[in-house]
PDB file of N, CA and C in Angstrom:
ATOM      1  N   MET A   1       0.814  -1.185   0.000  1.00  0.00           N
ATOM      2  CA  MET A   1       0.000   0.000   0.000  1.00  0.00           C
ATOM      3  C   MET A   1       0.867   1.262   0.000  1.00  0.00           C
ATOM      4  N   THR A   2       2.035   1.196   0.644  1.00  0.00           N
ATOM      5  CA  THR A   2       2.918   2.357   0.698  1.00  0.00           C
ATOM      6  C   THR A   2       3.392   2.746  -0.701  1.00  0.00           C
ATOM      7  N   VAL A   3       3.745   1.747  -1.504  1.00  0.00           N
ATOM      8  CA  VAL A   3       4.199   2.028  -2.867  1.00  0.00           C
ATOM      9  C   VAL A   3       3.063   2.655  -3.672  1.00  0.00           C
ATOM     10  N   TYR A   4       1.850   2.104  -3.552  1.00  0.00           N
ATOM     11  CA  TYR A   4       0.715   2.659  -4.272  1.00  0.00           C
ATOM     12  C   TYR A   4       0.441   4.089  -3.818  1.00  0.00           C
ATOM     13  N   TYR A   5       0.545   4.340  -2.532  1.00  0.00           N
ATOM     14  CA  TYR A   5       0.304   5.692  -2.009  1.00  0.00           C
ATOM     15  C   TYR A   5       1.327   6.673  -2.574  1.00  0.00           C
ATOM     16  N   GLN A   6       2.579   6.242  -2.668  1.00  0.00           N
ATOM     17  CA  GLN A   6       3.647   7.112  -3.158  1.00  0.00           C
ATOM     18  C   GLN A   6       3.496   7.411  -4.657  1.00  0.00           C
ATOM     19  N   PHE A   7       3.155   6.403  -5.449  1.00  0.00           N
ATOM     20  CA  PHE A   7       3.138   6.560  -6.899  1.00  0.00           C
ATOM     21  C   PHE A   7       1.745   6.617  -7.504  1.00  0.00           C
ATOM     22  N   GLY A   8       0.736   6.194  -6.798  1.00  0.00           N
ATOM     23  CA  GLY A   8      -0.640   6.318  -7.254  1.00  0.00           C
ATOM     24  C   GLY A   8      -1.134   5.220  -8.172  1.00  0.00           C
ATOM     25  N   SER A   9      -0.234   4.584  -8.915  1.00  0.00           N
ATOM     26  CA  SER A   9      -0.643   3.539  -9.849  1.00  0.00           C
ATOM     27  C   SER A   9       0.601   2.800 -10.331  1.00  0.00           C
ATOM     28  N   LEU A  10       0.368   1.713 -11.051  1.00  0.00           N
ATOM     29  CA  LEU A  10       1.486   0.978 -11.642  1.00  0.00           C
ATOM     30  C   LEU A  10       2.229   1.880 -12.631  1.00  0.00           C
ATOM     31  N   GLN A  11       1.477   2.646 -13.413  1.00  0.00           N
ATOM     32  CA  GLN A  11       2.108   3.553 -14.366  1.00  0.00           C
ATOM     33  C   GLN A  11       2.976   4.580 -13.629  1.00  0.00           C
ATOM     34  N   GLY A  12       2.497   5.116 -12.538  1.00  0.00           N
ATOM     35  CA  GLY A  12       3.274   6.072 -11.765  1.00  0.00           C
ATOM     36  C   GLY A  12       4.553   5.454 -11.230  1.00  0.00           C
ATOM     37  N   LEU A  13       4.467   4.201 -10.772  1.00  0.00           N
ATOM     38  CA  LEU A  13       5.649   3.499 -10.279  1.00  0.00           C
ATOM     39  C   LEU A  13       6.668   3.301 -11.395  1.00  0.00           C
ATOM     40  N   ILE A  14       6.199   2.842 -12.548  1.00  0.00           N
ATOM     41  CA  ILE A  14       7.123   2.608 -13.668  1.00  0.00           C
ATOM     42  C   ILE A  14       7.720   3.927 -14.152  1.00  0.00           C
ATOM     43  N   GLU A  15       6.933   4.982 -14.202  1.00  0.00           N
ATOM     44  CA  GLU A  15       7.475   6.288 -14.582  1.00  0.00           C
ATOM     45  C   GLU A  15       8.530   6.747 -13.582  1.00  0.00           C
ATOM     46  N   GLY A  16       8.311   6.487 -12.291  1.00  0.00           N
ATOM     47  CA  GLY A  16       9.308   6.814 -11.279  1.00  0.00           C
ATOM     48  C   GLY A  16      10.594   6.031 -11.478  1.00  0.00           C
ATOM     49  N   ILE A  17      10.467   4.751 -11.812  1.00  0.00           N
ATOM     50  CA  ILE A  17      11.644   3.930 -12.093  1.00  0.00           C
ATOM     51  C   ILE A  17      12.369   4.467 -13.323  1.00  0.00           C
ATOM     52  N   CYS A  18      11.617   4.811 -14.370  1.00  0.00           N
ATOM     53  CA  CYS A  18      12.233   5.352 -15.588  1.00  0.00           C
ATOM     54  C   CYS A  18      12.940   6.672 -15.306  1.00  0.00           C
ATOM     55  N   ASP A  19      12.338   7.519 -14.487  1.00  0.00           N
ATOM     56  CA  ASP A  19      12.993   8.773 -14.103  1.00  0.00           C
ATOM     57  C   ASP A  19      14.311   8.484 -13.396  1.00  0.00           C
ATOM     58  N   SER A  20      14.281   7.533 -12.479  1.00  0.00           N
ATOM     59  CA  SER A  20      15.483   7.170 -11.738  1.00  0.00           C
ATOM     60  C   SER A  20      16.550   6.600 -12.667  1.00  0.00           C
ATOM     61  N   LEU A  21      16.133   5.756 -13.602  1.00  0.00           N
ATOM     62  CA  LEU A  21      17.083   5.197 -14.578  1.00  0.00           C
ATOM     63  C   LEU A  21      17.709   6.300 -15.427  1.00  0.00           C
ATOM     64  N   ALA A  22      16.902   7.248 -15.850  1.00  0.00           N
ATOM     65  CA  ALA A  22      17.406   8.340 -16.687  1.00  0.00           C
ATOM     66  C   ALA A  22      18.409   9.192 -15.920  1.00  0.00           C
ATOM     67  N   ILE A  23      18.115   9.489 -14.668  1.00  0.00           N
ATOM     68  CA  ILE A  23      19.028  10.299 -13.863  1.00  0.00           C
ATOM     69  C   ILE A  23      20.318   9.532 -13.605  1.00  0.00           C
ATOM     70  N   ALA A  24      20.196   8.273 -13.177  1.00  0.00           N
ATOM     71  CA  ALA A  24      21.381   7.453 -12.903  1.00  0.00           C
ATOM     72  C   ALA A  24      22.205   7.219 -14.156  1.00  0.00           C
ATOM     73  N   GLY A  25      21.538   7.169 -15.294  1.00  0.00           N
ATOM     74  CA  GLY A  25      22.225   6.932 -16.563  1.00  0.00           C
ATOM     75  C   GLY A  25      22.815   8.178 -17.194  1.00  0.00           C
ATOM     76  N   GLY A  26      22.645   9.329 -16.561  1.00  0.00           N
ATOM     77  CA  GLY A  26      23.254  10.555 -17.057  1.00  0.00           C
ATOM     78  C   GLY A  26      22.515  11.250 -18.183  1.00  0.00           C
ATOM     79  N   MET A  27      21.229  10.945 -18.355  1.00  0.00           N
ATOM     80  CA  MET A  27      20.487  11.575 -19.443  1.00  0.00           C
ATOM     81  C   MET A  27      20.340  13.084 -19.254  1.00  0.00           C
ATOM     82  N   ASP A  28      20.563  13.560 -18.030  1.00  0.00           N
ATOM     83  CA  ASP A  28      20.502  15.003 -17.809  1.00  0.00           C
ATOM     84  C   ASP A  28      21.630  15.732 -18.536  1.00  0.00           C
ATOM     85  N   ARG A  29      22.646  15.013 -18.978  1.00  0.00           N
ATOM     86  CA  ARG A  29      23.751  15.608 -19.754  1.00  0.00           C
ATOM     87  C   ARG A  29      23.427  15.736 -21.240  1.00  0.00           C
ATOM     88  N   MET A  30      22.284  15.218 -21.664  1.00  0.00           N
ATOM     89  CA  MET A  30      21.937  15.245 -23.087  1.00  0.00           C
ATOM     90  C   MET A  30      21.843  16.679 -23.613  1.00  0.00           C
ATOM     91  N   GLY A  31      21.312  17.586 -22.808  1.00  0.00           N
ATOM     92  CA  GLY A  31      21.211  18.984 -23.233  1.00  0.00           C
ATOM     93  C   GLY A  31      22.563  19.580 -23.560  1.00  0.00           C
ATOM     94  N   ASP A  32      23.602  19.180 -22.819  1.00  0.00           N
ATOM     95  CA  ASP A  32      24.957  19.670 -23.088  1.00  0.00           C
ATOM     96  C   ASP A  32      25.413  19.280 -24.492  1.00  0.00           C
ATOM     97  N   ALA A  33      25.057  18.084 -24.901  1.00  0.00           N
ATOM     98  CA  ALA A  33      25.437  17.620 -26.234  1.00  0.00           C
ATOM     99  C   ALA A  33      24.812  18.502 -27.314  1.00  0.00           C
ATOM    100  N   PHE A  34      23.561  18.877 -27.128  1.00  0.00           N
ATOM    101  CA  PHE A  34      22.870  19.680 -28.133  1.00  0.00           C
ATOM    102  C   PHE A  34      23.324  21.141 -28.136  1.00  0.00           C
ATOM    103  N   ARG A  35      23.967  21.572 -27.071  1.00  0.00           N
ATOM    104  CA  ARG A  35      24.451  22.956 -27.013  1.00  0.00           C
ATOM    105  C   ARG A  35      25.871  23.133 -27.545  1.00  0.00           C
ATOM    106  N   ARG A  36      26.519  22.061 -27.889  1.00  0.00           N
ATOM    107  CA  ARG A  36      27.889  22.176 -28.412  1.00  0.00           C
ATOM    108  C   ARG A  36      27.855  22.821 -29.794  1.00  0.00           C
ATOM    109  N   PRO A  37      28.726  23.798 -30.020  1.00  0.00           N
ATOM    110  CA  PRO A  37      28.725  24.485 -31.316  1.00  0.00           C
ATOM    111  C   PRO A  37      29.269  23.622 -32.457  1.00  0.00           C
ATOM    112  N   ASP A  38      30.192  22.751 -32.150  1.00  0.00           N
ATOM    113  CA  ASP A  38      30.786  21.897 -33.184  1.00  0.00           C
ATOM    114  C   ASP A  38      29.929  20.640 -33.343  1.00  0.00           C
ATOM    115  N   PRO A  39      29.425  20.369 -34.556  1.00  0.00           N
ATOM    116  CA  PRO A  39      28.529  19.222 -34.762  1.00  0.00           C
ATOM    117  C   PRO A  39      29.177  17.876 -34.427  1.00  0.00           C
ATOM    118  N   LEU A  40      30.454  17.715 -34.722  1.00  0.00           N
ATOM    119  CA  LEU A  40      31.108  16.441 -34.427  1.00  0.00           C
ATOM    120  C   LEU A  40      31.294  16.244 -32.922  1.00  0.00           C
ATOM    121  N   GLU A  41      31.620  17.312 -32.215  1.00  0.00           N
ATOM    122  CA  GLU A  41      31.711  17.221 -30.758  1.00  0.00           C
ATOM    123  C   GLU A  41      30.334  16.927 -30.162  1.00  0.00           C
ATOM    124  N   ALA A  42      29.307  17.539 -30.726  1.00  0.00           N
ATOM    125  CA  ALA A  42      27.938  17.301 -30.257  1.00  0.00           C
ATOM    126  C   ALA A  42      27.561  15.838 -30.459  1.00  0.00           C
ATOM    127  N   LEU A  43      27.904  15.300 -31.617  1.00  0.00           N
ATOM    128  CA  LEU A  43      27.605  13.897 -31.896  1.00  0.00           C
ATOM    129  C   LEU A  43      28.372  12.980 -30.956  1.00  0.00           C
ATOM    130  N   ASP A  44      29.644  13.276 -30.721  1.00  0.00           N
ATOM    131  CA  ASP A  44      30.435  12.481 -29.774  1.00  0.00           C
ATOM    132  C   ASP A  44      29.811  12.491 -28.385  1.00  0.00           C
ATOM    133  N   GLU A  45      29.389  13.666 -27.909  1.00  0.00           N
ATOM    134  CA  GLU A  45      28.777  13.782 -26.592  1.00  0.00           C
ATOM    135  C   GLU A  45      27.440  13.047 -26.547  1.00  0.00           C
ATOM    136  N   PHE A  46      26.653  13.186 -27.593  1.00  0.00           N
ATOM    137  CA  PHE A  46      25.365  12.503 -27.704  1.00  0.00           C
ATOM    138  C   PHE A  46      25.543  10.993 -27.584  1.00  0.00           C
ATOM    139  N   ILE A  47      26.486  10.452 -28.335  1.00  0.00           N
ATOM    140  CA  ILE A  47      26.756   9.014 -28.309  1.00  0.00           C
ATOM    141  C   ILE A  47      27.260   8.591 -26.936  1.00  0.00           C
ATOM    142  N   ALA A  48      28.146   9.383 -26.340  1.00  0.00           N
ATOM    143  CA  ALA A  48      28.680   9.048 -25.019  1.00  0.00           C
ATOM    144  C   ALA A  48      27.574   8.998 -23.968  1.00  0.00           C
ATOM    145  N   VAL A  49      26.660   9.952 -24.011  1.00  0.00           N
ATOM    146  CA  VAL A  49      25.556   9.979 -23.050  1.00  0.00           C
ATOM    147  C   VAL A  49      24.662   8.751 -23.243  1.00  0.00           C
ATOM    148  N   LEU A  50      24.314   8.454 -24.480  1.00  0.00           N
ATOM    149  CA  LEU A  50      23.459   7.291 -24.738  1.00  0.00           C
ATOM    150  C   LEU A  50      24.135   5.985 -24.342  1.00  0.00           C
ATOM    151  N   MET A  51      25.423   5.861 -24.639  1.00  0.00           N
ATOM    152  CA  MET A  51      26.142   4.640 -24.269  1.00  0.00           C
ATOM    153  C   MET A  51      26.162   4.475 -22.753  1.00  0.00           C
ATOM    154  N   HIS A  52      26.395   5.564 -22.038  1.00  0.00           N
ATOM    155  CA  HIS A  52      26.392   5.491 -20.579  1.00  0.00           C
ATOM    156  C   HIS A  52      25.014   5.076 -20.062  1.00  0.00           C
ATOM    157  N   PHE A  53      23.966   5.647 -20.637  1.00  0.00           N
ATOM    158  CA  PHE A  53      22.602   5.299 -20.224  1.00  0.00           C
ATOM    159  C   PHE A  53      22.310   3.820 -20.452  1.00  0.00           C
ATOM    160  N   TRP A  54      22.589   3.323 -21.652  1.00  0.00           N
ATOM    161  CA  TRP A  54      22.233   1.942 -21.974  1.00  0.00           C
ATOM    162  C   TRP A  54      23.111   0.926 -21.249  1.00  0.00           C
ATOM    163  N   GLU A  55      24.276   1.335 -20.765  1.00  0.00           N
ATOM    164  CA  GLU A  55      25.124   0.436 -19.997  1.00  0.00           C
ATOM    165  C   GLU A  55      24.766   0.421 -18.513  1.00  0.00           C
ATOM    166  N   SER A  56      24.019   1.395 -18.043  1.00  0.00           N
ATOM    167  CA  SER A  56      23.688   1.471 -16.618  1.00  0.00           C
ATOM    168  C   SER A  56      22.395   0.716 -16.322  1.00  0.00           C
ATOM    169  N   ASP A  57      22.339   0.089 -15.185  1.00  0.00           N
ATOM    170  CA  ASP A  57      21.130  -0.583 -14.671  1.00  0.00           C
ATOM    171  C   ASP A  57      20.483  -1.549 -15.662  1.00  0.00           C
ATOM    172  N   ARG A  58      21.301  -2.351 -16.317  1.00  0.00           N
ATOM    173  CA  ARG A  58      20.770  -3.295 -17.295  1.00  0.00           C
ATOM    174  C   ARG A  58      19.720  -4.258 -16.731  1.00  0.00           C
ATOM    175  N   PRO A  59      19.938  -4.820 -15.541  1.00  0.00           N
ATOM    176  CA  PRO A  59      18.929  -5.760 -15.026  1.00  0.00           C
ATOM    177  C   PRO A  59      17.549  -5.106 -14.833  1.00  0.00           C
ATOM    178  N   VAL A  60      17.543  -3.862 -14.402  1.00  0.00           N
ATOM    179  CA  VAL A  60      16.263  -3.164 -14.201  1.00  0.00           C
ATOM    180  C   VAL A  60      15.584  -2.932 -15.546  1.00  0.00           C
ATOM    181  N   ARG A  61      16.350  -2.479 -16.541  1.00  0.00           N
ATOM    182  CA  ARG A  61      15.757  -2.245 -17.868  1.00  0.00           C
ATOM    183  C   ARG A  61      15.253  -3.548 -18.482  1.00  0.00           C
ATOM    184  N   ARG A  62      15.987  -4.637 -18.272  1.00  0.00           N
ATOM    185  CA  ARG A  62      15.521  -5.934 -18.782  1.00  0.00           C
ATOM    186  C   ARG A  62      14.203  -6.337 -18.124  1.00  0.00           C
ATOM    187  N   GLY A  63      14.117  -6.124 -16.818  1.00  0.00           N
ATOM    188  CA  GLY A  63      12.876  -6.426 -16.111  1.00  0.00           C
ATOM    189  C   GLY A  63      11.709  -5.606 -16.629  1.00  0.00           C
ATOM    190  N   LEU A  64      11.956  -4.333 -16.893  1.00  0.00           N
ATOM    191  CA  LEU A  64      10.894  -3.485 -17.445  1.00  0.00           C
ATOM    192  C   LEU A  64      10.512  -3.930 -18.851  1.00  0.00           C
ATOM    193  N   GLY A  65      11.498  -4.369 -19.617  1.00  0.00           N
ATOM    194  CA  GLY A  65      11.210  -4.889 -20.951  1.00  0.00           C
ATOM    195  C   GLY A  65      10.362  -6.142 -20.888  1.00  0.00           C
ATOM    196  N   ALA A  66      10.677  -7.022 -19.927  1.00  0.00           N
ATOM    197  CA  ALA A  66       9.875  -8.240 -19.743  1.00  0.00           C
ATOM    198  C   ALA A  66       8.457  -7.886 -19.315  1.00  0.00           C
ATOM    199  N   LEU A  67       8.327  -6.905 -18.432  1.00  0.00           N
ATOM    200  CA  LEU A  67       7.002  -6.459 -17.999  1.00  0.00           C
ATOM    201  C   LEU A  67       6.198  -5.943 -19.191  1.00  0.00           C
ATOM    202  N   ALA A  68       6.849  -5.215 -20.086  1.00  0.00           N
ATOM    203  CA  ALA A  68       6.157  -4.678 -21.261  1.00  0.00           C
ATOM    204  C   ALA A  68       5.650  -5.801 -22.162  1.00  0.00           C
ATOM    205  N   VAL A  69       6.394  -6.909 -22.235  1.00  0.00           N
ATOM    206  CA  VAL A  69       5.958  -8.043 -23.047  1.00  0.00           C
ATOM    207  C   VAL A  69       4.790  -8.764 -22.376  1.00  0.00           C
ATOM    208  N   LEU A  70       4.882  -8.921 -21.057  1.00  0.00           N
ATOM    209  CA  LEU A  70       3.848  -9.652 -20.324  1.00  0.00           C
ATOM    210  C   LEU A  70       2.566  -8.852 -20.132  1.00  0.00           C
ATOM    211  N   ASP A  71       2.698  -7.533 -20.027  1.00  0.00           N
ATOM    212  CA  ASP A  71       1.543  -6.672 -19.797  1.00  0.00           C
ATOM    213  C   ASP A  71       1.553  -5.546 -20.831  1.00  0.00           C
ATOM    214  N   PRO A  72       0.871  -5.736 -21.955  1.00  0.00           N
ATOM    215  CA  PRO A  72       0.895  -4.745 -23.031  1.00  0.00           C
ATOM    216  C   PRO A  72       0.473  -3.334 -22.602  1.00  0.00           C
ATOM    217  N   ASP A  73      -0.330  -3.229 -21.541  1.00  0.00           N
ATOM    218  CA  ASP A  73      -0.741  -1.906 -21.064  1.00  0.00           C
ATOM    219  C   ASP A  73       0.439  -1.106 -20.532  1.00  0.00           C
ATOM    220  N   THR A  74       1.480  -1.779 -20.073  1.00  0.00           N
ATOM    221  CA  THR A  74       2.651  -1.075 -19.546  1.00  0.00           C
ATOM    222  C   THR A  74       3.672  -0.754 -20.634  1.00  0.00           C
ATOM    223  N   ALA A  75       3.535  -1.327 -21.804  1.00  0.00           N
ATOM    224  CA  ALA A  75       4.524  -1.141 -22.869  1.00  0.00           C
ATOM    225  C   ALA A  75       4.680   0.316 -23.282  1.00  0.00           C
ATOM    226  N   ALA A  76       3.632   1.092 -23.198  1.00  0.00           N
ATOM    227  CA  ALA A  76       3.678   2.490 -23.639  1.00  0.00           C
ATOM    228  C   ALA A  76       4.531   3.361 -22.730  1.00  0.00           C
ATOM    229  N   PHE A  77       4.815   2.934 -21.517  1.00  0.00           N
ATOM    230  CA  PHE A  77       5.582   3.792 -20.623  1.00  0.00           C
ATOM    231  C   PHE A  77       6.784   3.086 -20.006  1.00  0.00           C
ATOM    232  N   THR A  78       7.437   2.235 -20.795  1.00  0.00           N
ATOM    233  CA  THR A  78       8.689   1.623 -20.360  1.00  0.00           C
ATOM    234  C   THR A  78       9.815   2.128 -21.245  1.00  0.00           C
ATOM    235  N   PRO A  79      11.063   2.084 -20.756  1.00  0.00           N
ATOM    236  CA  PRO A  79      12.173   2.604 -21.551  1.00  0.00           C
ATOM    237  C   PRO A  79      12.456   1.799 -22.807  1.00  0.00           C
ATOM    238  N   THR A  80      11.844   0.632 -22.952  1.00  0.00           N
ATOM    239  CA  THR A  80      12.057  -0.147 -24.163  1.00  0.00           C
ATOM    240  C   THR A  80      11.262   0.412 -25.335  1.00  0.00           C
ATOM    241  N   THR A  81      10.244   1.205 -25.062  1.00  0.00           N
ATOM    242  CA  THR A  81       9.425   1.746 -26.143  1.00  0.00           C
ATOM    243  C   THR A  81       9.634   3.231 -26.353  1.00  0.00           C
ATOM    244  N   ALA A  82       9.963   3.952 -25.313  1.00  0.00           N
ATOM    245  CA  ALA A  82      10.169   5.398 -25.459  1.00  0.00           C
ATOM    246  C   ALA A  82      10.887   5.924 -24.232  1.00  0.00           C
ATOM    247  N   TRP A  83      11.733   6.912 -24.446  1.00  0.00           N
ATOM    248  CA  TRP A  83      12.386   7.561 -23.329  1.00  0.00           C
ATOM    249  C   TRP A  83      11.699   8.889 -23.098  1.00  0.00           C
ATOM    250  N   ARG A  84      11.545   9.231 -21.840  1.00  0.00           N
ATOM    251  CA  ARG A  84      10.973  10.537 -21.522  1.00  0.00           C
ATOM    252  C   ARG A  84      11.884  11.218 -20.533  1.00  0.00           C
ATOM    253  N   ALA A  85      11.907  12.533 -20.569  1.00  0.00           N
ATOM    254  CA  ALA A  85      12.745  13.293 -19.656  1.00  0.00           C
ATOM    255  C   ALA A  85      12.230  13.135 -18.237  1.00  0.00           C
ATOM    256  N   PRO A  86      13.138  13.009 -17.265  1.00  0.00           N
ATOM    257  CA  PRO A  86      12.683  12.929 -15.868  1.00  0.00           C
ATOM    258  C   PRO A  86      11.887  14.158 -15.485  1.00  0.00           C
ATOM    259  N   SER A  87      10.977  14.014 -14.568  1.00  0.00           N
ATOM    260  CA  SER A  87      10.149  15.132 -14.112  1.00  0.00           C
ATOM    261  C   SER A  87      11.022  16.284 -13.651  1.00  0.00           C
ATOM    262  N   GLY A  88      10.698  17.471 -14.115  1.00  0.00           N
ATOM    263  CA  GLY A  88      11.421  18.665 -13.694  1.00  0.00           C
ATOM    264  C   GLY A  88      12.707  18.933 -14.445  1.00  0.00           C
ATOM    265  N   THR A  89      13.019  18.116 -15.473  1.00  0.00           N
ATOM    266  CA  THR A  89      14.222  18.365 -16.255  1.00  0.00           C
ATOM    267  C   THR A  89      13.843  18.571 -17.700  1.00  0.00           C
ATOM    268  N   SER A  90      14.789  19.078 -18.432  1.00  0.00           N
ATOM    269  CA  SER A  90      14.559  19.309 -19.856  1.00  0.00           C
ATOM    270  C   SER A  90      15.798  18.914 -20.615  1.00  0.00           C
ATOM    271  N   THR A  91      15.623  18.393 -21.810  1.00  0.00           N
ATOM    272  CA  THR A  91      16.768  18.064 -22.646  1.00  0.00           C
ATOM    273  C   THR A  91      17.106  19.184 -23.592  1.00  0.00           C
ATOM    274  N   ARG A  92      16.502  20.329 -23.387  1.00  0.00           N
ATOM    275  CA  ARG A  92      16.781  21.479 -24.267  1.00  0.00           C
ATOM    276  C   ARG A  92      17.837  22.363 -23.683  1.00  0.00           C
TER     277      ARG A  92
END
């Protein structure tokens, strides 16, 4: 009941996990990549940020991917189908 109270729903819980994964994976640095004046440096930074994200917390992302397969209603809000910016942050 405590988890439900904190997140309000399964979707809220999964969104919270995705926010945590994005923060831990360094996605907050993505905006820095887009602000680089040199396109090649921007691309290098973009790739570095994505590589760091996809290498972090693999077991959690795999579990979320399995959940998306088992429960199609959750597929729309797991990191396997779409990434979203953590609450209160912007990639711009």
